[in-house]
């Protein structure tokens, strides 16, 4: 088993991977263009922010699992992986505290204009009248877009600051918001219009790309603070640059369009020059605490896959099933018993959706639960039972249809 780690992980985590009996190839500086060639013979791929394209997945004959060491899977072509039966998993929530901390660092710095005040002092100026002007955070309306792991961590910090918090999320209902004790906005537009501070915490996917556009941004009150530490794809940055100047927004960013793949280099974007903008080079999860938590969860996923055949945090397993019947087969635990059952189902044109086989104590008998799309005929079931030396009993169960 070969594992390619195409992103930075602590040395101790790499040693623990090797202790699992796998071959570890550590290439943290690998680019997306180089990935296709590097995947030859690789069974498990671990990435941080590296893009994994459909072409790379198609060329990886032996690949079984892709682990995104971080939250979200926006830079992985999950659809291409699903089409080839490759699991995709991530490590959700392990960087939540770090990203929430950076979010509030940006909010506080923008309110007090900390960087400008520091730069002024370093040039020998004492401008107390200029930088003593700040609204403060206590009592201000904070809007949170997305109430996942990071959104909830931001909410927790906001309560400590004494802010009035309102949230919008596709999964958030008014009743759930009331249970949590958080304000509820039925739409993004409503949330933006009510927010003196708006912070974005959404994963990038087909439903969220450019979700925060001109129609949302122009509803922010004049002088509002806008922060994005989630994904650059979620926000229309061209629109943000326009609205920032028109509405005198204060902007905090940790994610930017077209970020360099390397850890050093040059970068520029119009939004950086659109007014009071503080930005960091995608460092939200870059605390020691977050790095160790992400690495530990990555190891947990890999260990479960290797030892149990399970994939914690998998994101591309179908949540619905087309199976309408379950064939329950109690059988002698011997070679060929299940093969006979499956061959009969195939002859009768019965498509198997899922199969789960449980072996009983002593290893003499087992029970197979076979989920199928169409109802097997009595002749089919009788043919299965005909293998009396191997088959103990067959039941047919109709499954509820929740579609």
Protein backbone atom coordinates (compact mmCIF):
# COMPACT_ATOMS: atom_id res chain seq x y z
CA UNK A 1 0.00 0.00 0.00
CA UNK A 2 1.48 3.35 -1.07
CA UNK A 3 0.42 6.69 0.38
CA UNK A 4 1.34 9.96 -1.32
CA UNK A 5 1.29 12.96 1.03
CA UNK A 6 1.14 16.02 -1.24
CA UNK A 7 0.96 18.65 1.49
CA UNK A 8 2.67 19.60 4.71
CA UNK A 9 2.15 17.31 7.71
CA UNK A 10 4.21 17.07 10.93
CA UNK A 11 7.10 14.61 10.86
CA UNK A 12 5.57 12.66 13.75
CA UNK A 13 2.41 12.08 11.70
CA UNK A 14 4.43 10.73 8.78
CA UNK A 15 6.19 8.33 11.15
CA UNK A 16 2.82 7.13 12.47
CA UNK A 17 1.69 6.50 8.90
CA UNK A 18 4.77 4.37 8.25
CA UNK A 19 4.07 2.47 11.47
CA UNK A 20 0.80 1.34 9.86
CA UNK A 21 2.89 -0.67 7.41
CA UNK A 22 2.44 1.56 4.35
CA UNK A 23 4.98 3.11 2.02
CA UNK A 24 4.85 6.90 2.45
CA UNK A 25 5.95 9.27 -0.32
CA UNK A 26 6.21 12.79 1.10
CA UNK A 27 6.08 15.49 -1.58
CA UNK A 28 4.68 18.63 0.09
CA UNK A 29 5.73 20.95 -2.74
CA UNK A 30 3.99 18.98 -5.51
CA UNK A 31 2.02 21.11 -7.99
CA UNK A 32 -1.29 20.20 -9.58
CA UNK A 33 0.45 19.79 -12.95
CA UNK A 34 2.94 17.33 -11.45
CA UNK A 35 0.30 15.32 -9.59
CA UNK A 36 -0.80 13.14 -12.52
CA UNK A 37 2.66 11.62 -12.94
CA UNK A 38 3.20 11.32 -9.18
CA UNK A 39 0.02 9.24 -8.71
CA UNK A 40 1.30 6.17 -10.55
CA UNK A 41 1.14 3.22 -8.16
CA UNK A 42 -0.43 5.33 -5.38
CA UNK A 43 -3.32 3.83 -3.38
CA UNK A 44 -4.06 6.73 -1.02
CA UNK A 45 -3.55 10.44 -1.71
CA UNK A 46 -3.36 13.02 1.10
CA UNK A 47 -3.61 16.70 0.12
CA UNK A 48 -3.88 20.02 1.92
CA UNK A 49 -4.78 22.72 -0.63
CA UNK A 50 -3.56 21.01 -3.81
CA UNK A 51 -6.01 20.85 -6.70
CA UNK A 52 -6.92 17.28 -7.72
CA UNK A 53 -8.34 17.35 -11.24
CA UNK A 54 -10.43 14.83 -13.15
CA UNK A 55 -7.44 14.14 -15.41
CA UNK A 56 -5.24 13.28 -12.42
CA UNK A 57 -7.94 10.98 -11.02
CA UNK A 58 -8.44 9.27 -14.38
CA UNK A 59 -4.73 8.53 -14.61
CA UNK A 60 -4.52 7.01 -11.13
CA UNK A 61 -5.32 3.35 -11.74
CA UNK A 62 -4.57 2.18 -8.18
CA UNK A 63 -6.08 5.09 -6.25
CA UNK A 64 -8.68 4.06 -3.66
CA UNK A 65 -8.91 7.04 -1.31
CA UNK A 66 -8.28 10.80 -1.33
CA UNK A 67 -7.98 12.48 2.06
CA UNK A 68 -8.23 16.25 2.22
CA UNK A 69 -6.29 17.21 5.34
CA UNK A 70 -8.58 20.12 6.16
CA UNK A 71 -12.23 21.06 5.90
CA UNK A 72 -14.07 21.09 2.59
CA UNK A 73 -13.16 19.39 -0.68
CA UNK A 74 -13.57 22.33 -3.07
CA UNK A 75 -10.31 21.75 -4.96
CA UNK A 76 -10.95 18.03 -5.50
CA UNK A 77 -13.07 16.86 -8.42
CA UNK A 78 -15.32 14.75 -6.22
CA UNK A 79 -17.58 13.84 -9.14
CA UNK A 80 -14.67 12.32 -11.06
CA UNK A 81 -13.60 10.37 -7.96
CA UNK A 82 -17.14 9.07 -7.43
CA UNK A 83 -17.35 7.94 -11.06
CA UNK A 84 -14.27 5.77 -10.51
CA UNK A 85 -15.34 4.42 -7.09
CA UNK A 86 -12.68 6.39 -5.20
CA UNK A 87 -13.52 7.51 -1.66
CA UNK A 88 -13.04 11.20 -0.80
CA UNK A 89 -12.81 12.19 2.87
CA UNK A 90 -11.80 15.29 4.80
CA UNK A 91 -11.10 16.36 8.40
CA UNK A 92 -14.01 18.69 9.21
CA UNK A 93 -13.91 20.95 12.24
CA UNK A 94 -10.29 20.32 13.16
CA UNK A 95 -9.24 23.83 12.08
CA UNK A 96 -12.39 25.55 13.34
CA UNK A 97 -10.84 27.21 16.40
CA UNK A 98 -7.88 28.53 14.42
CA UNK A 99 -10.01 30.00 11.63
CA UNK A 100 -12.45 31.52 14.13
CA UNK A 101 -9.55 33.11 15.99
CA UNK A 102 -8.19 34.66 12.80
CA UNK A 103 -11.69 35.85 11.89
CA UNK A 104 -12.00 37.78 15.12
CA UNK A 105 -8.42 39.04 14.88
CA UNK A 106 -9.31 40.59 11.52
CA UNK A 107 -12.60 42.01 12.85
CA UNK A 108 -10.89 43.62 15.86
CA UNK A 109 -8.00 44.96 13.80
CA UNK A 110 -10.37 46.47 11.25
CA UNK A 111 -12.50 48.13 13.91
CA UNK A 112 -9.43 49.67 15.58
CA UNK A 113 -7.37 50.04 12.36
CA UNK A 114 -4.48 48.38 14.15
CA UNK A 115 -2.22 47.91 11.11
CA UNK A 116 -2.58 51.52 10.01
CA UNK A 117 -1.89 52.78 13.52
CA UNK A 118 1.20 50.57 13.77
CA UNK A 119 2.50 51.72 10.37
CA UNK A 120 1.96 55.34 11.40
CA UNK A 121 3.91 54.88 14.63
CA UNK A 122 6.76 53.18 12.77
CA UNK A 123 7.14 56.26 10.60
CA UNK A 124 7.56 58.35 13.74
CA UNK A 125 4.04 59.81 13.88
CA UNK A 126 1.81 60.04 16.94
CA UNK A 127 -1.76 60.33 15.62
CA UNK A 128 -3.96 59.61 18.61
CA UNK A 129 -6.89 61.69 17.37
CA UNK A 130 -6.92 59.71 14.09
CA UNK A 131 -6.75 56.21 15.56
CA UNK A 132 -8.71 56.71 18.75
CA UNK A 133 -11.88 56.62 16.66
CA UNK A 134 -13.53 53.19 16.73
CA UNK A 135 -17.08 51.93 17.10
CA UNK A 136 -16.17 48.88 19.23
CA UNK A 137 -17.61 45.38 18.96
CA UNK A 138 -19.83 45.03 22.01
CA UNK A 139 -23.50 45.29 21.03
CA UNK A 140 -22.84 45.36 17.28
CA UNK A 141 -24.79 43.14 14.89
CA UNK A 142 -22.71 40.24 13.59
CA UNK A 143 -24.01 38.19 10.67
CA UNK A 144 -22.60 34.69 10.12
CA UNK A 145 -22.98 33.08 6.69
CA UNK A 146 -22.81 29.31 7.25
CA UNK A 147 -23.20 27.68 10.65
CA UNK A 148 -20.87 24.71 10.33
CA UNK A 149 -17.89 24.00 12.56
CA UNK A 150 -16.18 27.35 11.96
CA UNK A 151 -19.41 29.37 11.96
CA UNK A 152 -20.34 27.93 15.36
CA UNK A 153 -16.84 28.65 16.71
CA UNK A 154 -17.17 32.27 15.53
CA UNK A 155 -20.58 32.49 17.20
CA UNK A 156 -19.04 31.28 20.48
CA UNK A 157 -16.38 34.00 20.34
CA UNK A 158 -18.96 36.61 19.38
CA UNK A 159 -20.96 35.86 22.52
CA UNK A 160 -17.83 36.50 24.60
CA UNK A 161 -17.49 39.88 22.86
CA UNK A 162 -21.12 40.70 23.65
CA UNK A 163 -22.18 40.96 20.01
CA UNK A 164 -25.73 40.40 18.73
CA UNK A 165 -25.46 37.40 16.39
CA UNK A 166 -27.71 36.48 13.46
CA UNK A 167 -26.99 33.59 11.09
CA UNK A 168 -28.05 32.26 7.72
CA UNK A 169 -27.48 28.71 6.53
CA UNK A 170 -29.41 26.48 4.14
CA UNK A 171 -29.79 23.93 6.91
CA UNK A 172 -30.76 26.42 9.64
CA UNK A 173 -34.45 26.69 10.51
CA UNK A 174 -36.13 29.32 12.64
CA UNK A 175 -36.94 26.69 15.27
CA UNK A 176 -33.35 25.46 15.36
CA UNK A 177 -32.04 29.03 15.65
CA UNK A 178 -34.42 29.63 18.56
CA UNK A 179 -33.15 26.47 20.29
CA UNK A 180 -29.56 27.67 19.85
CA UNK A 181 -30.36 31.17 21.01
CA UNK A 182 -29.15 32.78 17.80
CA UNK A 183 -30.88 35.27 15.50
CA UNK A 184 -32.39 33.86 12.32
CA UNK A 185 -32.26 35.35 8.81
CA UNK A 186 -34.41 33.68 6.17
CA UNK A 187 -32.24 34.94 3.28
CA UNK A 188 -28.72 36.15 2.65
CA UNK A 189 -30.14 39.52 1.64
CA UNK A 190 -31.90 39.89 4.97
CA UNK A 191 -28.73 38.92 6.82
CA UNK A 192 -26.56 41.42 4.91
CA UNK A 193 -28.96 44.30 5.46
CA UNK A 194 -28.95 43.64 9.23
CA UNK A 195 -25.19 43.10 9.67
CA UNK A 196 -22.71 45.71 10.82
CA UNK A 197 -20.16 42.89 10.60
CA UNK A 198 -20.64 40.05 8.08
CA UNK A 199 -18.37 37.01 8.11
CA UNK A 200 -18.46 34.12 5.62
CA UNK A 201 -17.93 30.45 6.54
CA UNK A 202 -19.06 28.25 3.65
CA UNK A 203 -17.36 25.42 1.78
CA UNK A 204 -16.89 25.93 -1.94
CA UNK A 205 -19.16 23.83 -4.14
CA UNK A 206 -21.56 24.19 -7.05
CA UNK A 207 -24.26 25.66 -4.79
CA UNK A 208 -22.04 28.24 -3.07
CA UNK A 209 -19.75 29.53 -5.82
CA UNK A 210 -20.16 33.33 -6.03
CA UNK A 211 -23.08 33.11 -3.66
CA UNK A 212 -21.98 36.40 -2.08
CA UNK A 213 -22.41 38.66 -5.10
CA UNK A 214 -23.19 42.31 -5.80
CA UNK A 215 -26.86 41.87 -4.79
CA UNK A 216 -25.79 40.79 -1.30
CA UNK A 217 -22.77 43.03 -0.80
CA UNK A 218 -24.52 46.28 -1.73
CA UNK A 219 -27.03 45.68 1.09
CA UNK A 220 -24.32 45.98 3.76
CA UNK A 221 -24.62 49.20 5.78
CA UNK A 222 -22.12 51.95 5.03
CA UNK A 223 -18.86 51.36 6.90
CA UNK A 224 -19.67 47.71 7.66
CA UNK A 225 -16.95 45.13 8.22
CA UNK A 226 -16.83 42.19 5.78
CA UNK A 227 -14.63 39.15 6.47
CA UNK A 228 -14.02 36.03 4.40
CA UNK A 229 -11.80 33.30 5.82
CA UNK A 230 -13.54 30.38 4.10
CA UNK A 231 -13.14 30.18 0.32
CA UNK A 232 -12.47 32.74 -2.39
CA UNK A 233 -14.90 30.99 -4.75
CA UNK A 234 -17.84 31.84 -2.48
CA UNK A 235 -17.47 35.61 -2.98
CA UNK A 236 -17.55 37.73 -6.15
CA UNK A 237 -14.33 39.66 -5.52
CA UNK A 238 -14.82 42.03 -8.45
CA UNK A 239 -18.15 43.08 -6.96
CA UNK A 240 -16.54 43.30 -3.51
CA UNK A 241 -13.90 45.73 -4.80
CA UNK A 242 -16.62 47.98 -6.27
CA UNK A 243 -18.87 47.95 -3.20
CA UNK A 244 -15.92 48.41 -0.83
CA UNK A 245 -15.18 51.84 -2.32
CA UNK A 246 -18.81 52.91 -2.71
CA UNK A 247 -19.89 51.89 0.81
CA UNK A 248 -16.57 52.46 2.58
CA UNK A 249 -16.46 48.85 3.74
CA UNK A 250 -13.70 47.54 5.97
CA UNK A 251 -12.57 44.20 4.56
CA UNK A 252 -10.68 41.30 6.12
CA UNK A 253 -9.56 38.42 3.87
CA UNK A 254 -7.60 35.21 4.31
CA UNK A 255 -8.58 33.73 0.94
CA UNK A 256 -8.08 35.34 -2.45
CA UNK A 257 -8.75 34.41 -6.09
CA UNK A 258 -5.85 32.85 -7.97
CA UNK A 259 -3.65 32.21 -4.96
CA UNK A 260 -0.14 30.96 -5.82
CA UNK A 261 0.36 27.23 -5.26
CA UNK A 262 3.84 27.84 -3.88
CA UNK A 263 4.37 29.05 -0.31
CA UNK A 264 6.32 32.12 -1.48
CA UNK A 265 6.13 34.36 -4.51
CA UNK A 266 4.28 37.45 -5.71
CA UNK A 267 0.56 38.19 -5.71
CA UNK A 268 -1.84 41.05 -6.37
CA UNK A 269 -5.56 41.59 -6.80
CA UNK A 270 -7.68 44.75 -7.23
CA UNK A 271 -9.62 44.08 -4.03
CA UNK A 272 -6.43 44.64 -2.02
CA UNK A 273 -6.43 48.26 -3.20
CA UNK A 274 -10.13 48.98 -2.74
CA UNK A 275 -9.95 50.83 0.57
CA UNK A 276 -9.40 49.66 4.13
CA UNK A 277 -8.42 46.04 3.45
CA UNK A 278 -6.42 43.78 5.75
CA UNK A 279 -5.45 40.45 4.19
CA UNK A 280 -3.39 37.40 5.10
CA UNK A 281 -1.93 34.73 2.74
CA UNK A 282 -4.35 31.89 3.54
CA UNK A 283 -3.08 31.17 7.05
CA UNK A 284 -6.40 30.47 8.77
CA UNK A 285 -5.56 26.91 9.77
CA UNK A 286 -1.86 27.57 10.32
CA UNK A 287 -1.64 27.29 14.08
CA UNK A 288 0.21 24.47 15.83
CA UNK A 289 -3.04 23.38 17.50
CA UNK A 290 -4.90 23.18 14.20
CA UNK A 291 -2.06 21.48 12.34
CA UNK A 292 -1.79 18.71 14.93
CA UNK A 293 -5.58 18.26 15.09
CA UNK A 294 -5.80 18.00 11.28
CA UNK A 295 -2.88 15.56 11.12
CA UNK A 296 -4.38 13.37 13.86
CA UNK A 297 -7.73 13.20 12.07
CA UNK A 298 -5.99 12.39 8.78
CA UNK A 299 -4.28 9.48 10.53
CA UNK A 300 -7.63 8.39 11.97
CA UNK A 301 -9.17 8.23 8.49
CA UNK A 302 -6.19 6.34 7.05
CA UNK A 303 -6.04 3.88 9.96
CA UNK A 304 -9.77 3.11 9.73
CA UNK A 305 -9.48 2.54 6.00
CA UNK A 306 -6.51 0.19 6.34
CA UNK A 307 -7.67 -1.81 9.36
CA UNK A 308 -11.47 -1.85 9.04
CA UNK A 309 -12.21 -0.93 5.45
CA UNK A 310 -14.17 2.07 6.75
CA UNK A 311 -13.80 5.72 5.69
CA UNK A 312 -14.68 8.25 8.40
CA UNK A 313 -15.79 11.68 7.10
CA UNK A 314 -16.42 10.32 3.60
CA UNK A 315 -18.20 12.93 1.45
CA UNK A 316 -19.11 11.04 -1.73
CA UNK A 317 -21.19 8.08 -0.57
CA UNK A 318 -24.76 8.22 -1.84
CA UNK A 319 -27.16 9.17 0.95
CA UNK A 320 -30.08 7.64 -0.90
CA UNK A 321 -30.51 4.19 -2.39
CA UNK A 322 -32.50 2.84 -5.30
CA UNK A 323 -32.79 -0.52 -3.54
CA UNK A 324 -36.41 -1.45 -2.81
CA UNK A 325 -35.94 -4.99 -1.47
CA UNK A 326 -33.52 -6.77 0.82
CA UNK A 327 -32.68 -10.43 0.40
CA UNK A 328 -31.62 -11.84 3.79
CA UNK A 329 -29.59 -15.02 3.36
CA UNK A 330 -28.46 -17.08 6.34
CA UNK A 331 -25.72 -19.36 5.08
CA UNK A 332 -22.89 -21.68 6.04
CA UNK A 333 -19.64 -19.71 6.18
CA UNK A 334 -17.73 -21.51 3.44
CA UNK A 335 -16.06 -20.64 0.15
CA UNK A 336 -18.50 -20.15 -2.70
CA UNK A 337 -21.71 -19.82 -0.67
CA UNK A 338 -22.24 -16.14 -1.46
CA UNK A 339 -20.90 -16.59 -4.99
CA UNK A 340 -23.77 -19.02 -5.67
CA UNK A 341 -26.32 -16.51 -4.39
CA UNK A 342 -24.93 -13.67 -6.48
CA UNK A 343 -24.74 -15.79 -9.60
CA UNK A 344 -28.43 -16.71 -9.26
CA UNK A 345 -29.38 -13.03 -8.84
CA UNK A 346 -27.35 -12.18 -11.91
CA UNK A 347 -29.04 -14.88 -14.01
CA UNK A 348 -32.42 -13.45 -13.04
CA UNK A 349 -31.38 -9.90 -13.94
CA UNK A 350 -31.48 -8.64 -10.34
CA UNK A 351 -29.15 -5.67 -9.80
CA UNK A 352 -27.42 -5.65 -6.41
CA UNK A 353 -27.06 -2.21 -4.79
CA UNK A 354 -25.41 -3.11 -1.48
CA UNK A 355 -24.19 -6.22 0.31
CA UNK A 356 -23.34 -6.67 3.96
CA UNK A 357 -22.20 -10.03 5.38
CA UNK A 358 -21.98 -10.70 9.12
CA UNK A 359 -20.14 -13.76 10.47
CA UNK A 360 -21.41 -15.24 13.73
CA UNK A 361 -19.28 -16.36 16.65
CA UNK A 362 -17.44 -19.57 15.90
CA UNK A 363 -17.15 -18.77 12.19
CA UNK A 364 -19.61 -21.50 11.12
CA UNK A 365 -22.53 -19.39 9.89
CA UNK A 366 -23.14 -15.93 8.49
CA UNK A 367 -25.98 -13.68 7.43
CA UNK A 368 -25.86 -11.71 4.20
CA UNK A 369 -28.13 -8.71 3.66
CA UNK A 370 -28.32 -8.02 -0.06
CA UNK A 371 -30.16 -4.87 -1.18
CA UNK A 372 -31.57 -5.07 -4.69
CA UNK A 373 -33.49 -2.73 -7.00
CA UNK A 374 -36.21 -5.12 -8.23
CA UNK A 375 -38.20 -7.84 -6.50
CA UNK A 376 -36.73 -11.34 -7.02
CA UNK A 377 -39.29 -13.85 -8.25
CA UNK A 378 -40.29 -16.93 -6.28
CA UNK A 379 -38.35 -18.98 -8.82
CA UNK A 380 -35.24 -16.92 -8.10
CA UNK A 381 -35.58 -17.37 -4.34
CA UNK A 382 -36.25 -21.10 -4.75
CA UNK A 383 -33.12 -21.43 -6.86
CA UNK A 384 -31.07 -19.80 -4.09
CA UNK A 385 -32.58 -22.16 -1.51
CA UNK A 386 -31.76 -25.14 -3.73
CA UNK A 387 -28.16 -24.95 -2.48
CA UNK A 388 -29.27 -26.69 0.71
CA UNK A 389 -25.76 -27.69 1.72
CA UNK A 390 -24.79 -24.01 1.96
CA UNK A 391 -27.99 -21.96 2.36
CA UNK A 392 -29.83 -22.15 5.69
CA UNK A 393 -32.71 -19.75 4.98
CA UNK A 394 -33.79 -16.93 2.66
CA UNK A 395 -36.13 -14.03 3.50
CA UNK A 396 -37.31 -11.18 1.26
CA UNK A 397 -37.98 -7.82 2.93
CA UNK A 398 -39.58 -4.79 1.30
CA UNK A 399 -37.65 -1.60 2.12
CA UNK A 400 -39.40 1.70 2.90
CA UNK A 401 -39.25 4.26 0.10
CA UNK A 402 -38.02 7.59 1.49
CA UNK A 403 -37.32 9.13 -1.90
